[in-house]
Structure formats: C-alpha cells, structure tokens
C-alpha cells in the first residue's frame, strides 16, 4: 500500500482515493493511474505517450481521454486558482509540481486526527440538492404533459 501526501491531500494508490481533512473521495481507476504516473515522474515533463503507456498499460487512449483525466485530477486536487500542481507543457505533456511525501499507511495527517469515513453519494449536501432539483424538473415535465394532453383532448 502506497500513500502520498500532496499538501493537505493524501492519495492512497491501492484504494484509488484521495483524503482531504479526513473526507475520502474515490477516484476513477484511470484518473488514479494518471495521478500515480505523474507523481512517480514528479518534476519531469511526462508526455501523453508515457501516460498512455503507464496509466493505460499500452491500450489505446485518445488525447481527449488523457486531457479529461488531468482535468478531473485538477478538480479533485482543487488545482484551479492556486499554484499549478499539474502544469500543462504545450505540445509536450504534463508536469507534476506539487510537494510529495510518502506516508506510512494509516498515519493521519497533522491537520486531521479523525478517522476518515468514505462518503457515500447520499451524504453529500450537493447530492440532496441535485435530487430535489431533479424531482422538481420531473414534476414540472409531468405537469406540463398533463396540461398538454388535456388541451388536445378538449379540441
């Protein structure tokens, strides 16, 4: 089991998850593989060909697939307006610039001494709001269909 600490983020390669202040988020397998590759080559420019060879193990991957994984990583690592942990090097690839420390598995970060619990989809406030919005949209659509069918049956 390998755990890397990137600032306040712990990345568990075996579990394919990152933990920020005790909250765990599962990464998609390819996204996890791309992050692991970038960390292994930290400070170096990693070409898309190298990413495909290591993260996709030589299977075909489009440029869009690689770009999407890097974009998802930036979002998960909150790498938008801060320092650029993952830097795009035009026409060459990507470079991981973050400070990385290998951590003993089970070792809590200094900023968080609580046990982390993986968050289920239902635990997120965003998920509850999304469910409510979806229900409201479905209700409005069904209501509109009911009004439309009444309108057409009267004529």
N, C-alpha and C. Protein backbone atom coordinates (compact mmCIF):
# COMPACT_ATOMS: atom_id res chain seq x y z
N UNK A 1 0.85 -1.18 0.00
CA UNK A 1 0.00 0.00 0.00
C UNK A 1 0.89 1.24 0.00
N UNK A 2 0.60 2.16 -0.92
CA UNK A 2 1.39 3.38 -1.01
C UNK A 2 0.45 4.57 -0.81
N UNK A 3 0.83 5.46 0.10
CA UNK A 3 0.08 6.69 0.33
C UNK A 3 1.03 7.86 0.13
N UNK A 4 0.61 8.79 -0.71
CA UNK A 4 1.38 10.00 -0.95
C UNK A 4 0.64 11.19 -0.33
N UNK A 5 1.39 12.08 0.29
CA UNK A 5 0.81 13.32 0.80
C UNK A 5 1.21 14.45 -0.13
N UNK A 6 0.18 15.15 -0.63
CA UNK A 6 0.37 16.27 -1.54
C UNK A 6 -0.26 17.47 -0.84
N UNK A 7 0.53 18.24 -0.12
CA UNK A 7 -0.05 19.33 0.67
C UNK A 7 -0.97 18.76 1.73
N UNK A 8 -2.25 19.12 1.68
CA UNK A 8 -3.25 18.62 2.63
C UNK A 8 -3.99 17.39 2.11
N UNK A 9 -3.59 16.89 0.96
CA UNK A 9 -4.27 15.76 0.33
C UNK A 9 -3.44 14.50 0.49
N UNK A 10 -4.09 13.42 0.93
CA UNK A 10 -3.46 12.11 0.97
C UNK A 10 -4.03 11.29 -0.19
N UNK A 11 -3.15 10.70 -0.98
CA UNK A 11 -3.55 9.88 -2.13
C UNK A 11 -3.15 8.44 -1.85
N UNK A 12 -4.15 7.57 -1.70
CA UNK A 12 -3.95 6.15 -1.46
C UNK A 12 -4.05 5.43 -2.80
N UNK A 13 -2.92 4.94 -3.29
CA UNK A 13 -2.90 4.33 -4.62
C UNK A 13 -3.68 3.03 -4.68
N UNK A 14 -3.63 2.23 -3.61
CA UNK A 14 -4.34 0.94 -3.61
C UNK A 14 -5.85 1.12 -3.57
N UNK A 15 -6.32 2.08 -2.78
CA UNK A 15 -7.76 2.31 -2.65
C UNK A 15 -8.28 3.24 -3.73
N UNK A 16 -7.39 3.82 -4.54
CA UNK A 16 -7.77 4.79 -5.58
C UNK A 16 -8.63 5.90 -4.99
N UNK A 17 -8.14 6.49 -3.89
CA UNK A 17 -8.90 7.57 -3.29
C UNK A 17 -7.98 8.64 -2.74
N UNK A 18 -8.55 9.83 -2.65
CA UNK A 18 -7.84 10.93 -2.01
C UNK A 18 -8.61 11.31 -0.75
N UNK A 19 -7.87 11.77 0.25
CA UNK A 19 -8.48 12.20 1.50
C UNK A 19 -8.04 13.64 1.76
N UNK A 20 -9.01 14.49 2.00
CA UNK A 20 -8.74 15.88 2.34
C UNK A 20 -9.43 16.15 3.67
N UNK A 21 -8.64 16.50 4.68
CA UNK A 21 -9.17 16.78 6.02
C UNK A 21 -10.10 15.66 6.50
N UNK A 22 -9.71 14.42 6.25
CA UNK A 22 -10.48 13.27 6.73
C UNK A 22 -11.61 12.81 5.82
N UNK A 23 -11.93 13.56 4.80
CA UNK A 23 -13.01 13.18 3.89
C UNK A 23 -12.41 12.46 2.68
N UNK A 24 -12.90 11.26 2.42
CA UNK A 24 -12.37 10.45 1.32
C UNK A 24 -13.22 10.60 0.07
N UNK A 25 -12.56 10.67 -1.07
CA UNK A 25 -13.22 10.70 -2.36
C UNK A 25 -12.57 9.65 -3.24
N UNK A 26 -13.40 8.76 -3.80
CA UNK A 26 -12.90 7.71 -4.67
C UNK A 26 -12.59 8.28 -6.05
N UNK A 27 -11.47 7.91 -6.62
CA UNK A 27 -11.08 8.32 -7.97
C UNK A 27 -11.38 7.19 -8.94
N UNK A 28 -11.76 7.54 -10.15
CA UNK A 28 -11.93 6.54 -11.19
C UNK A 28 -10.57 5.87 -11.42
N UNK A 29 -10.56 4.60 -11.80
CA UNK A 29 -9.28 3.88 -11.93
C UNK A 29 -8.28 4.57 -12.86
N UNK A 30 -8.71 5.06 -14.01
CA UNK A 30 -7.76 5.71 -14.92
C UNK A 30 -7.24 7.01 -14.34
N UNK A 31 -8.09 7.75 -13.67
CA UNK A 31 -7.68 9.01 -13.05
C UNK A 31 -6.63 8.72 -11.98
N UNK A 32 -6.87 7.69 -11.19
CA UNK A 32 -5.91 7.27 -10.17
C UNK A 32 -4.58 6.86 -10.79
N UNK A 33 -4.63 6.12 -11.88
CA UNK A 33 -3.41 5.68 -12.57
C UNK A 33 -2.63 6.85 -13.14
N UNK A 34 -3.33 7.85 -13.68
CA UNK A 34 -2.66 9.04 -14.21
C UNK A 34 -1.97 9.80 -13.08
N UNK A 35 -2.66 9.97 -11.95
CA UNK A 35 -2.05 10.67 -10.82
C UNK A 35 -0.82 9.92 -10.32
N UNK A 36 -0.92 8.60 -10.20
CA UNK A 36 0.22 7.81 -9.75
C UNK A 36 1.41 7.97 -10.71
N UNK A 37 1.14 7.97 -12.00
CA UNK A 37 2.20 8.14 -13.00
C UNK A 37 2.86 9.52 -12.87
N UNK A 38 2.02 10.55 -12.75
CA UNK A 38 2.56 11.91 -12.63
C UNK A 38 3.39 12.06 -11.35
N UNK A 39 2.95 11.44 -10.28
CA UNK A 39 3.71 11.52 -9.02
C UNK A 39 5.04 10.77 -9.15
N UNK A 40 5.03 9.60 -9.79
CA UNK A 40 6.28 8.85 -9.98
C UNK A 40 7.30 9.68 -10.76
N UNK A 41 6.80 10.51 -11.68
CA UNK A 41 7.69 11.31 -12.53
C UNK A 41 7.68 12.79 -12.11
N UNK A 42 7.35 13.07 -10.84
CA UNK A 42 7.21 14.46 -10.40
C UNK A 42 8.44 15.28 -10.75
N UNK A 43 8.14 16.51 -11.19
CA UNK A 43 9.21 17.42 -11.59
C UNK A 43 9.66 17.23 -13.03
N UNK A 44 9.24 16.13 -13.67
CA UNK A 44 9.61 15.85 -15.06
C UNK A 44 8.42 16.11 -15.97
N UNK A 45 8.70 16.43 -17.23
CA UNK A 45 7.62 16.54 -18.21
C UNK A 45 7.29 15.12 -18.65
N UNK A 46 6.01 14.76 -18.49
CA UNK A 46 5.54 13.42 -18.86
C UNK A 46 4.71 13.56 -20.13
N UNK A 47 5.16 12.93 -21.20
CA UNK A 47 4.44 13.01 -22.47
C UNK A 47 3.14 12.23 -22.39
N UNK A 48 2.21 12.56 -23.29
CA UNK A 48 0.96 11.80 -23.35
C UNK A 48 1.25 10.34 -23.68
N UNK A 49 2.25 10.09 -24.51
CA UNK A 49 2.61 8.71 -24.84
C UNK A 49 3.05 7.94 -23.60
N UNK A 50 3.83 8.58 -22.73
CA UNK A 50 4.26 7.93 -21.49
C UNK A 50 3.07 7.68 -20.58
N UNK A 51 2.16 8.67 -20.47
CA UNK A 51 0.96 8.48 -19.65
C UNK A 51 0.14 7.30 -20.16
N UNK A 52 -0.04 7.22 -21.48
CA UNK A 52 -0.82 6.12 -22.06
C UNK A 52 -0.11 4.79 -21.78
N UNK A 53 1.20 4.75 -21.98
CA UNK A 53 1.94 3.51 -21.77
C UNK A 53 1.85 3.04 -20.32
N UNK A 54 1.93 3.98 -19.37
CA UNK A 54 1.95 3.58 -17.96
C UNK A 54 0.56 3.49 -17.34
N UNK A 55 -0.30 4.48 -17.60
CA UNK A 55 -1.61 4.51 -16.96
C UNK A 55 -2.62 3.62 -17.68
N UNK A 56 -2.50 3.51 -18.99
CA UNK A 56 -3.42 2.65 -19.75
C UNK A 56 -2.76 1.33 -20.10
N UNK A 57 -1.53 1.15 -19.66
CA UNK A 57 -0.75 -0.06 -19.90
C UNK A 57 -0.71 -0.42 -21.39
N UNK A 58 -0.53 0.62 -22.22
CA UNK A 58 -0.36 0.41 -23.65
C UNK A 58 -1.64 0.31 -24.45
N UNK A 59 -2.80 0.20 -23.77
CA UNK A 59 -4.07 0.15 -24.51
C UNK A 59 -4.31 1.52 -25.14
N UNK A 60 -5.13 1.53 -26.17
CA UNK A 60 -5.42 2.79 -26.86
C UNK A 60 -6.14 3.77 -25.92
N UNK A 61 -5.70 5.01 -25.97
CA UNK A 61 -6.38 6.09 -25.26
C UNK A 61 -6.25 7.34 -26.11
N UNK A 62 -7.35 8.00 -26.33
CA UNK A 62 -7.33 9.22 -27.14
C UNK A 62 -6.73 10.37 -26.34
N UNK A 63 -6.32 11.41 -27.05
CA UNK A 63 -5.82 12.62 -26.38
C UNK A 63 -6.88 13.18 -25.44
N UNK A 64 -8.15 13.08 -25.86
CA UNK A 64 -9.24 13.59 -25.03
C UNK A 64 -9.35 12.82 -23.72
N UNK A 65 -9.08 11.53 -23.75
CA UNK A 65 -9.13 10.72 -22.52
C UNK A 65 -8.06 11.18 -21.53
N UNK A 66 -6.87 11.43 -22.03
CA UNK A 66 -5.79 11.89 -21.17
C UNK A 66 -6.13 13.28 -20.62
N UNK A 67 -6.59 14.17 -21.50
CA UNK A 67 -6.95 15.53 -21.08
C UNK A 67 -8.06 15.50 -20.04
N UNK A 68 -9.05 14.62 -20.23
CA UNK A 68 -10.16 14.51 -19.28
C UNK A 68 -9.66 14.05 -17.91
N UNK A 69 -8.78 13.06 -17.88
CA UNK A 69 -8.24 12.58 -16.61
C UNK A 69 -7.48 13.70 -15.88
N UNK A 70 -6.68 14.45 -16.60
CA UNK A 70 -5.93 15.54 -15.98
C UNK A 70 -6.88 16.61 -15.46
N UNK A 71 -7.92 16.90 -16.23
CA UNK A 71 -8.91 17.88 -15.79
C UNK A 71 -9.62 17.44 -14.52
N UNK A 72 -10.01 16.16 -14.46
CA UNK A 72 -10.65 15.62 -13.26
C UNK A 72 -9.70 15.67 -12.07
N UNK A 73 -8.43 15.38 -12.30
CA UNK A 73 -7.44 15.45 -11.22
C UNK A 73 -7.31 16.87 -10.69
N UNK A 74 -7.24 17.81 -11.59
CA UNK A 74 -7.14 19.21 -11.15
C UNK A 74 -8.33 19.60 -10.30
N UNK A 75 -9.51 19.17 -10.70
CA UNK A 75 -10.71 19.48 -9.92
C UNK A 75 -10.66 18.79 -8.55
N UNK A 76 -10.27 17.53 -8.51
CA UNK A 76 -10.21 16.79 -7.25
C UNK A 76 -9.14 17.34 -6.32
N UNK A 77 -8.05 17.81 -6.89
CA UNK A 77 -6.96 18.35 -6.08
C UNK A 77 -7.13 19.85 -5.82
N UNK A 78 -8.26 20.42 -6.25
CA UNK A 78 -8.54 21.85 -6.10
C UNK A 78 -7.40 22.67 -6.69
N UNK A 79 -7.00 22.30 -7.89
CA UNK A 79 -5.84 22.91 -8.56
C UNK A 79 -6.30 23.87 -9.65
N UNK A 80 -7.24 24.75 -9.32
CA UNK A 80 -7.73 25.68 -10.34
C UNK A 80 -7.05 27.04 -10.23
N UNK A 81 -7.24 27.70 -9.09
CA UNK A 81 -6.73 29.06 -8.96
C UNK A 81 -5.49 29.15 -8.09
N UNK A 82 -5.08 28.03 -7.52
CA UNK A 82 -3.90 28.05 -6.66
C UNK A 82 -2.66 27.83 -7.51
N UNK A 83 -1.60 27.39 -6.85
CA UNK A 83 -0.40 27.03 -7.61
C UNK A 83 -0.78 25.88 -8.54
N UNK A 84 -0.08 25.73 -9.59
CA UNK A 84 -0.42 24.69 -10.57
C UNK A 84 0.30 23.40 -10.22
N UNK A 85 -0.43 22.50 -9.55
CA UNK A 85 0.15 21.20 -9.21
C UNK A 85 0.45 20.40 -10.47
N UNK A 86 -0.49 20.46 -11.41
CA UNK A 86 -0.31 19.76 -12.68
C UNK A 86 -0.23 20.82 -13.76
N UNK A 87 0.94 20.98 -14.29
CA UNK A 87 1.20 22.01 -15.29
C UNK A 87 1.14 21.40 -16.69
N UNK A 88 0.46 22.08 -17.60
CA UNK A 88 0.44 21.65 -19.00
C UNK A 88 1.64 22.27 -19.69
N UNK A 89 2.43 21.44 -20.32
CA UNK A 89 3.57 21.89 -21.10
C UNK A 89 3.17 21.74 -22.56
N UNK A 90 2.92 22.85 -23.22
CA UNK A 90 2.38 22.84 -24.59
C UNK A 90 3.15 21.91 -25.51
N UNK A 91 2.40 21.06 -26.19
CA UNK A 91 2.90 20.12 -27.20
C UNK A 91 3.90 19.10 -26.66
N UNK A 92 4.03 19.02 -25.32
CA UNK A 92 4.98 18.06 -24.75
C UNK A 92 4.32 17.12 -23.74
N UNK A 93 3.43 17.65 -22.90
CA UNK A 93 2.81 16.79 -21.91
C UNK A 93 2.45 17.55 -20.64
N UNK A 94 2.68 16.91 -19.49
CA UNK A 94 2.30 17.46 -18.20
C UNK A 94 3.44 17.28 -17.21
N UNK A 95 3.48 18.19 -16.23
CA UNK A 95 4.48 18.09 -15.17
C UNK A 95 3.78 18.25 -13.83
N UNK A 96 4.06 17.35 -12.90
CA UNK A 96 3.51 17.45 -11.55
C UNK A 96 4.50 18.24 -10.72
N UNK A 97 4.05 19.38 -10.18
CA UNK A 97 4.93 20.30 -9.46
C UNK A 97 4.73 20.31 -7.94
N UNK A 98 3.77 19.54 -7.46
CA UNK A 98 3.44 19.61 -6.04
C UNK A 98 4.46 18.95 -5.15
N UNK A 99 4.48 19.39 -3.89
CA UNK A 99 5.34 18.72 -2.92
C UNK A 99 4.73 17.36 -2.59
N UNK A 100 5.52 16.32 -2.67
CA UNK A 100 5.01 14.97 -2.44
C UNK A 100 5.86 14.30 -1.37
N UNK A 101 5.15 13.65 -0.45
CA UNK A 101 5.83 12.94 0.63
C UNK A 101 5.18 11.56 0.72
N UNK A 102 6.01 10.52 0.82
CA UNK A 102 5.47 9.18 1.02
C UNK A 102 5.13 9.03 2.49
N UNK A 103 3.91 8.54 2.76
CA UNK A 103 3.40 8.47 4.12
C UNK A 103 3.19 7.01 4.50
N UNK A 104 3.47 6.70 5.74
CA UNK A 104 3.21 5.36 6.25
C UNK A 104 1.70 5.13 6.26
N UNK A 105 1.22 4.04 5.67
CA UNK A 105 -0.22 3.77 5.65
C UNK A 105 -0.80 3.81 7.07
N UNK A 106 -1.98 4.42 7.18
CA UNK A 106 -2.66 4.52 8.47
C UNK A 106 -2.24 5.72 9.27
N UNK A 107 -1.19 6.43 8.82
CA UNK A 107 -0.72 7.62 9.51
C UNK A 107 -1.62 8.79 9.18
N UNK A 108 -2.20 9.41 10.19
CA UNK A 108 -3.11 10.55 9.96
C UNK A 108 -2.30 11.78 9.67
N UNK A 109 -2.87 12.67 8.85
CA UNK A 109 -2.21 13.93 8.56
C UNK A 109 -2.25 14.81 9.80
N UNK A 110 -1.31 15.74 9.89
CA UNK A 110 -1.22 16.62 11.06
C UNK A 110 -2.47 17.46 11.23
N UNK A 111 -3.13 17.82 10.14
CA UNK A 111 -4.30 18.68 10.23
C UNK A 111 -5.57 17.89 10.54
N UNK A 112 -5.48 16.58 10.54
CA UNK A 112 -6.69 15.78 10.76
C UNK A 112 -6.36 14.55 11.58
N UNK A 113 -6.85 14.52 12.81
CA UNK A 113 -6.61 13.37 13.66
C UNK A 113 -7.85 12.51 13.79
N UNK A 114 -8.82 12.70 12.93
CA UNK A 114 -10.04 11.91 12.99
C UNK A 114 -9.97 10.80 11.97
N UNK A 115 -10.64 9.71 12.26
CA UNK A 115 -10.76 8.63 11.29
C UNK A 115 -11.58 9.11 10.12
N UNK A 116 -11.17 8.78 8.94
CA UNK A 116 -11.97 9.18 7.79
C UNK A 116 -12.97 8.09 7.49
N UNK A 117 -14.10 8.50 7.00
CA UNK A 117 -15.13 7.58 6.54
C UNK A 117 -15.42 7.92 5.09
N UNK A 118 -15.30 6.97 4.17
CA UNK A 118 -15.64 7.27 2.79
C UNK A 118 -17.06 7.81 2.72
N UNK A 119 -17.23 8.84 1.93
CA UNK A 119 -18.52 9.49 1.83
C UNK A 119 -19.37 8.78 0.81
N UNK A 120 -20.58 8.41 1.20
CA UNK A 120 -21.48 7.80 0.24
C UNK A 120 -22.20 8.91 -0.51
N UNK A 121 -22.75 8.58 -1.66
CA UNK A 121 -23.39 9.59 -2.50
C UNK A 121 -24.50 10.31 -1.76
N UNK A 122 -25.22 9.63 -0.87
CA UNK A 122 -26.32 10.25 -0.17
C UNK A 122 -25.90 11.19 0.94
N UNK A 123 -24.61 11.18 1.33
CA UNK A 123 -24.14 12.01 2.43
C UNK A 123 -23.88 13.45 2.00
N UNK A 124 -23.72 13.68 0.74
CA UNK A 124 -23.33 15.00 0.27
C UNK A 124 -24.52 15.95 0.19
N UNK A 125 -24.38 17.18 0.72
CA UNK A 125 -25.46 18.16 0.59
C UNK A 125 -25.75 18.47 -0.89
N UNK A 126 -24.72 18.45 -1.71
CA UNK A 126 -24.92 18.69 -3.14
C UNK A 126 -25.83 17.63 -3.74
N UNK A 127 -25.64 16.39 -3.31
CA UNK A 127 -26.46 15.29 -3.83
C UNK A 127 -27.92 15.50 -3.47
N UNK A 128 -28.20 15.92 -2.24
CA UNK A 128 -29.58 16.16 -1.82
C UNK A 128 -30.21 17.27 -2.64
N UNK A 129 -29.47 18.34 -2.88
CA UNK A 129 -29.99 19.45 -3.69
C UNK A 129 -30.24 18.98 -5.12
N UNK A 130 -29.31 18.20 -5.67
CA UNK A 130 -29.47 17.69 -7.04
C UNK A 130 -30.70 16.80 -7.15
N UNK A 131 -30.94 15.98 -6.13
CA UNK A 131 -32.12 15.11 -6.14
C UNK A 131 -33.40 15.94 -6.10
N UNK A 132 -33.41 16.98 -5.28
CA UNK A 132 -34.59 17.84 -5.20
C UNK A 132 -34.85 18.55 -6.53
N UNK A 133 -33.81 19.06 -7.13
CA UNK A 133 -33.95 19.75 -8.42
C UNK A 133 -34.46 18.77 -9.48
N UNK A 134 -33.90 17.58 -9.51
CA UNK A 134 -34.34 16.57 -10.47
C UNK A 134 -35.81 16.22 -10.27
N UNK A 135 -36.21 16.04 -9.02
CA UNK A 135 -37.62 15.73 -8.73
C UNK A 135 -38.53 16.87 -9.19
N UNK A 136 -38.11 18.11 -8.94
CA UNK A 136 -38.92 19.26 -9.34
C UNK A 136 -39.05 19.34 -10.86
N UNK A 137 -37.96 19.08 -11.57
CA UNK A 137 -37.99 19.12 -13.04
C UNK A 137 -38.93 18.02 -13.57
N UNK A 138 -38.83 16.83 -13.00
CA UNK A 138 -39.70 15.73 -13.44
C UNK A 138 -41.16 16.08 -13.16
N UNK A 139 -41.43 16.63 -11.99
CA UNK A 139 -42.80 17.03 -11.65
C UNK A 139 -43.32 18.07 -12.64
N UNK A 140 -42.50 19.07 -12.96
CA UNK A 140 -42.93 20.11 -13.90
C UNK A 140 -43.17 19.53 -15.29
N UNK A 141 -42.32 18.61 -15.70
CA UNK A 141 -42.49 18.00 -17.03
C UNK A 141 -43.78 17.18 -17.07
N UNK A 142 -44.02 16.41 -16.01
CA UNK A 142 -45.24 15.61 -15.97
C UNK A 142 -46.48 16.50 -15.92
N UNK A 143 -46.38 17.59 -15.16
CA UNK A 143 -47.50 18.54 -15.10
C UNK A 143 -47.77 19.14 -16.47
N UNK A 144 -46.70 19.53 -17.15
CA UNK A 144 -46.86 20.12 -18.49
C UNK A 144 -47.47 19.11 -19.45
N UNK A 145 -47.05 17.86 -19.36
CA UNK A 145 -47.62 16.83 -20.23
C UNK A 145 -49.11 16.63 -19.93
N UNK A 146 -49.46 16.68 -18.66
CA UNK A 146 -50.86 16.54 -18.28
C UNK A 146 -51.70 17.68 -18.83
N UNK A 147 -51.21 18.91 -18.73
CA UNK A 147 -51.93 20.06 -19.25
C UNK A 147 -52.03 19.97 -20.78
N UNK A 148 -50.95 19.55 -21.42
CA UNK A 148 -50.96 19.45 -22.88
C UNK A 148 -51.92 18.37 -23.34
N UNK A 149 -51.96 17.24 -22.64
CA UNK A 149 -52.89 16.18 -23.06
C UNK A 149 -54.34 16.61 -22.84
N UNK A 150 -54.61 17.35 -21.75
CA UNK A 150 -55.96 17.88 -21.53
C UNK A 150 -56.35 18.86 -22.64
N UNK A 151 -55.42 19.66 -23.05
CA UNK A 151 -55.66 20.66 -24.09
C UNK A 151 -56.03 19.96 -25.40
N UNK A 152 -55.28 18.93 -25.76
CA UNK A 152 -55.52 18.28 -27.04
C UNK A 152 -56.77 17.39 -27.03
N UNK A 153 -57.16 16.88 -25.88
CA UNK A 153 -58.35 16.06 -25.84
C UNK A 153 -59.63 16.89 -25.85
N UNK A 154 -59.57 18.17 -25.49
CA UNK A 154 -60.74 19.04 -25.50
C UNK A 154 -61.09 19.49 -26.92
N UNK A 155 -60.18 19.49 -27.81
CA UNK A 155 -60.42 20.00 -29.17
C UNK A 155 -61.00 18.99 -30.06
